[in-house]
């Protein structure tokens, strides 16, 4: 392996060790970032699921809902 390759390998190895160390700042930040990302995506997924479900419900019962509205 060339000298630059060895240097890069050592740097990457050190970074991996830092990330694997559970008490390091890098590891804790990674955990927080993952949790924040999961919450963000889940909220978007639930919102779209709710919108799709509502839209399907309205399309399925549109005539009945219109009739109820006209009667009241």
Protein backbone atom coordinates (compact mmCIF):
# COMPACT_ATOMS: atom_id res chain seq x y z
CA UNK A 1 0.00 0.00 0.00
CA UNK A 2 1.29 3.49 -0.77
CA UNK A 3 2.15 6.01 1.92
CA UNK A 4 -0.97 8.12 1.22
CA UNK A 5 -3.11 4.98 1.30
CA UNK A 6 -1.69 4.04 4.70
CA UNK A 7 -2.31 7.55 6.06
CA UNK A 8 -5.88 7.52 4.81
CA UNK A 9 -6.41 4.04 6.27
CA UNK A 10 -5.17 5.24 9.68
CA UNK A 11 -7.40 8.33 9.61
CA UNK A 12 -10.46 6.27 8.71
CA UNK A 13 -9.58 3.70 11.35
CA UNK A 14 -9.36 6.46 14.00
CA UNK A 15 -12.72 7.92 12.94
CA UNK A 16 -14.37 4.50 13.12
CA UNK A 17 -12.93 3.97 16.60
CA UNK A 18 -14.32 7.36 17.67
CA UNK A 19 -17.77 6.47 16.34
CA UNK A 20 -17.70 3.06 18.02
CA UNK A 21 -16.74 4.60 21.38
CA UNK A 22 -20.13 4.94 23.11
CA UNK A 23 -18.95 7.78 25.36
CA UNK A 24 -17.60 9.98 22.58
CA UNK A 25 -19.30 13.17 21.45
CA UNK A 26 -19.41 11.85 17.89
CA UNK A 27 -21.33 8.74 18.93
CA UNK A 28 -23.84 10.70 21.01
CA UNK A 29 -24.41 13.24 18.24
CA UNK A 30 -24.95 10.39 15.78
CA UNK A 31 -27.59 8.84 18.05
CA UNK A 32 -29.40 12.15 18.45
CA UNK A 33 -29.24 12.82 14.72
CA UNK A 34 -30.68 9.37 13.91
CA UNK A 35 -33.57 9.86 16.35
CA UNK A 36 -34.35 13.31 14.97
CA UNK A 37 -34.27 12.01 11.41
CA UNK A 38 -36.55 9.09 12.22
CA UNK A 39 -39.11 11.35 13.87
CA UNK A 40 -39.12 13.75 10.97
CA UNK A 41 -39.65 11.07 8.34
CA UNK A 42 -42.24 9.22 10.38
CA UNK A 43 -44.31 12.36 10.84
CA UNK A 44 -44.25 12.98 7.08
CA UNK A 45 -45.21 9.36 6.40
CA UNK A 46 -48.11 9.52 8.84
CA UNK A 47 -49.32 12.79 7.38
CA UNK A 48 -49.36 11.41 3.85
CA UNK A 49 -50.99 8.19 5.05
CA UNK A 50 -53.70 10.23 6.79
CA UNK A 51 -54.27 12.41 3.72
CA UNK A 52 -54.52 9.38 1.43
CA UNK A 53 -56.89 7.59 3.79
CA UNK A 54 -59.10 10.67 4.13
CA UNK A 55 -59.18 11.16 0.38
CA UNK A 56 -60.11 7.51 -0.18
CA UNK A 57 -62.87 7.73 2.43
CA UNK A 58 -64.36 10.85 0.82
CA UNK A 59 -64.21 9.34 -2.66
CA UNK A 60 -65.84 6.13 -1.44
CA UNK A 61 -68.69 7.85 0.45
CA UNK A 62 -69.02 11.02 -1.61
CA UNK A 63 -72.64 10.47 -2.64
CA UNK A 64 -73.75 9.62 0.88
CA UNK A 65 -71.92 12.62 2.38
CA UNK A 66 -73.41 14.95 -0.23
CA UNK A 67 -76.89 13.62 0.50
CA UNK A 68 -76.43 14.16 4.24
CA UNK A 69 -75.24 17.71 3.63
CA UNK A 70 -78.21 18.50 1.38
CA UNK A 71 -80.66 17.11 3.93
CA UNK A 72 -79.37 19.28 6.77
